[in-house]
């Protein structure tokens, strides 16, 4: 009974840490975008979404992202053991899956 409680608590703590990490990552990345593209600050959410879809979801951007994720994949075997212990999916695996799913969707967003 005590082990079940500890296991549930551990899972809860891991999920909380993942949420904190996600929030931190999102804040840093969006802060960086606003720093580089200060003119995006006054845009509405819909305008900002359109801006991202039409600038980032291009074939050129996809090639850059694929190159960067390939670099991460090459470094992943050394990092993979620690990620597996935490039960997380490596970011490179998620990005590769997203690239496959978004292949057609990315070009649709351009037009």
C-alpha atoms as a PDB file:
ATOM      1  CA  UNK A   1       0.000   0.000   0.000  1.00  0.00           C
ATOM      2  CA  UNK A   2       2.823   2.369   0.939  1.00  0.00           C
ATOM      3  CA  UNK A   3       4.641   1.615  -2.339  1.00  0.00           C
ATOM      4  CA  UNK A   4       1.565   2.512  -4.374  1.00  0.00           C
ATOM      5  CA  UNK A   5       1.341   5.880  -2.615  1.00  0.00           C
ATOM      6  CA  UNK A   6       5.033   6.549  -3.247  1.00  0.00           C
ATOM      7  CA  UNK A   7       4.726   5.586  -6.911  1.00  0.00           C
ATOM      8  CA  UNK A   8       1.709   7.873  -7.386  1.00  0.00           C
ATOM      9  CA  UNK A   9       3.504  10.704  -5.632  1.00  0.00           C
ATOM     10  CA  UNK A  10       6.598  10.222  -7.794  1.00  0.00           C
ATOM     11  CA  UNK A  11       4.477  10.324 -10.956  1.00  0.00           C
ATOM     12  CA  UNK A  12       2.748  13.466  -9.682  1.00  0.00           C
ATOM     13  CA  UNK A  13       6.096  15.150  -8.990  1.00  0.00           C
ATOM     14  CA  UNK A  14       7.400  14.183 -12.440  1.00  0.00           C
ATOM     15  CA  UNK A  15       4.318  15.642 -14.147  1.00  0.00           C
ATOM     16  CA  UNK A  16       4.647  18.840 -12.108  1.00  0.00           C
ATOM     17  CA  UNK A  17       8.315  19.155 -13.066  1.00  0.00           C
ATOM     18  CA  UNK A  18       7.463  18.578 -16.733  1.00  0.00           C
ATOM     19  CA  UNK A  19       4.850  21.376 -16.555  1.00  0.00           C
ATOM     20  CA  UNK A  20       7.372  23.720 -14.932  1.00  0.00           C
ATOM     21  CA  UNK A  21       9.993  22.861 -17.555  1.00  0.00           C
ATOM     22  CA  UNK A  22       7.471  23.427 -20.345  1.00  0.00           C
ATOM     23  CA  UNK A  23       6.377  26.795 -18.940  1.00  0.00           C
ATOM     24  CA  UNK A  24       9.996  27.877 -18.522  1.00  0.00           C
ATOM     25  CA  UNK A  25      10.884  26.803 -22.071  1.00  0.00           C
ATOM     26  CA  UNK A  26       7.836  28.582 -23.547  1.00  0.00           C
ATOM     27  CA  UNK A  27       8.578  31.793 -21.666  1.00  0.00           C
ATOM     28  CA  UNK A  28      12.228  31.806 -22.749  1.00  0.00           C
ATOM     29  CA  UNK A  29      11.426  31.074 -26.382  1.00  0.00           C
ATOM     30  CA  UNK A  30       8.616  33.612 -26.675  1.00  0.00           C
ATOM     31  CA  UNK A  31      10.758  36.189 -24.906  1.00  0.00           C
ATOM     32  CA  UNK A  32      13.456  35.566 -27.488  1.00  0.00           C
ATOM     33  CA  UNK A  33      10.960  35.990 -30.340  1.00  0.00           C
ATOM     34  CA  UNK A  34       9.697  39.274 -28.877  1.00  0.00           C
ATOM     35  CA  UNK A  35      13.269  40.462 -28.410  1.00  0.00           C
ATOM     36  CA  UNK A  36      14.162  39.715 -32.049  1.00  0.00           C
ATOM     37  CA  UNK A  37      10.808  40.740 -33.527  1.00  0.00           C
ATOM     38  CA  UNK A  38       9.671  43.573 -31.295  1.00  0.00           C
ATOM     39  CA  UNK A  39       7.007  44.546 -33.852  1.00  0.00           C
ATOM     40  CA  UNK A  40       5.058  41.339 -33.092  1.00  0.00           C
ATOM     41  CA  UNK A  41       4.143  42.521 -29.572  1.00  0.00           C
ATOM     42  CA  UNK A  42       1.076  44.607 -30.572  1.00  0.00           C
ATOM     43  CA  UNK A  43      -0.339  41.842 -32.807  1.00  0.00           C
ATOM     44  CA  UNK A  44      -3.490  40.016 -31.741  1.00  0.00           C
ATOM     45  CA  UNK A  45      -3.172  36.308 -31.001  1.00  0.00           C
ATOM     46  CA  UNK A  46      -4.755  35.494 -34.371  1.00  0.00           C
ATOM     47  CA  UNK A  47      -2.388  37.860 -36.223  1.00  0.00           C
ATOM     48  CA  UNK A  48       0.612  36.402 -34.418  1.00  0.00           C
ATOM     49  CA  UNK A  49      -0.534  32.872 -35.265  1.00  0.00           C
ATOM     50  CA  UNK A  50      -0.898  33.886 -38.942  1.00  0.00           C
ATOM     51  CA  UNK A  51       2.556  35.473 -38.871  1.00  0.00           C
ATOM     52  CA  UNK A  52       4.096  32.278 -37.497  1.00  0.00           C
ATOM     53  CA  UNK A  53       2.241  30.026 -39.918  1.00  0.00           C
ATOM     54  CA  UNK A  54       3.306  32.065 -42.922  1.00  0.00           C
ATOM     55  CA  UNK A  55       6.922  32.618 -41.921  1.00  0.00           C
ATOM     56  CA  UNK A  56       7.973  29.595 -39.921  1.00  0.00           C
ATOM     57  CA  UNK A  57       5.986  26.864 -41.652  1.00  0.00           C
ATOM     58  CA  UNK A  58       7.878  27.312 -44.920  1.00  0.00           C
ATOM     59  CA  UNK A  59       9.997  24.762 -46.737  1.00  0.00           C
ATOM     60  CA  UNK A  60      13.124  26.789 -45.930  1.00  0.00           C
ATOM     61  CA  UNK A  61      12.286  26.798 -42.208  1.00  0.00           C
ATOM     62  CA  UNK A  62      11.559  23.051 -42.341  1.00  0.00           C
ATOM     63  CA  UNK A  63      15.020  22.384 -43.820  1.00  0.00           C
ATOM     64  CA  UNK A  64      16.683  24.453 -41.081  1.00  0.00           C
ATOM     65  CA  UNK A  65      14.674  22.656 -38.375  1.00  0.00           C
ATOM     66  CA  UNK A  66      15.446  19.255 -39.883  1.00  0.00           C
ATOM     67  CA  UNK A  67      19.164  20.087 -39.866  1.00  0.00           C
ATOM     68  CA  UNK A  68      19.051  21.158 -36.224  1.00  0.00           C
ATOM     69  CA  UNK A  69      17.084  18.087 -35.140  1.00  0.00           C
ATOM     70  CA  UNK A  70      19.561  15.900 -37.011  1.00  0.00           C
ATOM     71  CA  UNK A  71      22.345  17.463 -34.914  1.00  0.00           C
ATOM     72  CA  UNK A  72      20.342  16.667 -31.770  1.00  0.00           C
ATOM     73  CA  UNK A  73      19.736  13.101 -32.935  1.00  0.00           C
ATOM     74  CA  UNK A  74      23.477  12.599 -33.343  1.00  0.00           C
ATOM     75  CA  UNK A  75      24.014  13.775 -29.753  1.00  0.00           C
ATOM     76  CA  UNK A  76      20.988  11.865 -28.362  1.00  0.00           C
ATOM     77  CA  UNK A  77      22.662   8.476 -27.688  1.00  0.00           C
ATOM     78  CA  UNK A  78      24.858  10.070 -25.025  1.00  0.00           C
ATOM     79  CA  UNK A  79      21.849  11.810 -23.460  1.00  0.00           C
ATOM     80  CA  UNK A  80      19.323   9.012 -24.018  1.00  0.00           C
ATOM     81  CA  UNK A  81      20.064   7.087 -20.823  1.00  0.00           C
ATOM     82  CA  UNK A  82      19.192  10.002 -18.554  1.00  0.00           C
ATOM     83  CA  UNK A  83      16.046  10.787 -20.499  1.00  0.00           C
ATOM     84  CA  UNK A  84      14.863   7.177 -20.329  1.00  0.00           C
ATOM     85  CA  UNK A  85      15.249   7.156 -16.546  1.00  0.00           C
ATOM     86  CA  UNK A  86      12.930  10.158 -16.239  1.00  0.00           C
ATOM     87  CA  UNK A  87      10.445   8.527 -18.596  1.00  0.00           C
ATOM     88  CA  UNK A  88      10.511  11.440 -21.027  1.00  0.00           C
ATOM     89  CA  UNK A  89      10.480  11.241 -24.798  1.00  0.00           C
ATOM     90  CA  UNK A  90      13.578  12.918 -26.184  1.00  0.00           C
ATOM     91  CA  UNK A  91      12.756  16.237 -27.904  1.00  0.00           C
ATOM     92  CA  UNK A  92      14.312  14.955 -31.145  1.00  0.00           C
ATOM     93  CA  UNK A  93      11.824  12.093 -31.328  1.00  0.00           C
ATOM     94  CA  UNK A  94       8.905  14.466 -30.802  1.00  0.00           C
ATOM     95  CA  UNK A  95      10.255  16.872 -33.418  1.00  0.00           C
ATOM     96  CA  UNK A  96      10.767  14.103 -35.971  1.00  0.00           C
ATOM     97  CA  UNK A  97       7.206  12.912 -35.409  1.00  0.00           C
ATOM     98  CA  UNK A  98       5.927  16.478 -35.710  1.00  0.00           C
ATOM     99  CA  UNK A  99       7.874  16.892 -38.956  1.00  0.00           C
ATOM    100  CA  UNK A 100       6.204  13.801 -40.422  1.00  0.00           C
ATOM    101  CA  UNK A 101       2.739  14.863 -39.322  1.00  0.00           C
ATOM    102  CA  UNK A 102       3.199  18.484 -40.367  1.00  0.00           C
ATOM    103  CA  UNK A 103       4.676  17.822 -43.795  1.00  0.00           C
ATOM    104  CA  UNK A 104       1.459  18.435 -45.698  1.00  0.00           C
ATOM    105  CA  UNK A 105       0.033  20.782 -43.070  1.00  0.00           C
ATOM    106  CA  UNK A 106       3.081  23.033 -43.225  1.00  0.00           C
ATOM    107  CA  UNK A 107       2.647  23.692 -46.913  1.00  0.00           C
ATOM    108  CA  UNK A 108      -1.098  24.226 -46.484  1.00  0.00           C
ATOM    109  CA  UNK A 109      -0.414  26.949 -43.928  1.00  0.00           C
ATOM    110  CA  UNK A 110       1.635  28.854 -46.499  1.00  0.00           C
ATOM    111  CA  UNK A 111      -1.122  29.326 -49.035  1.00  0.00           C
END
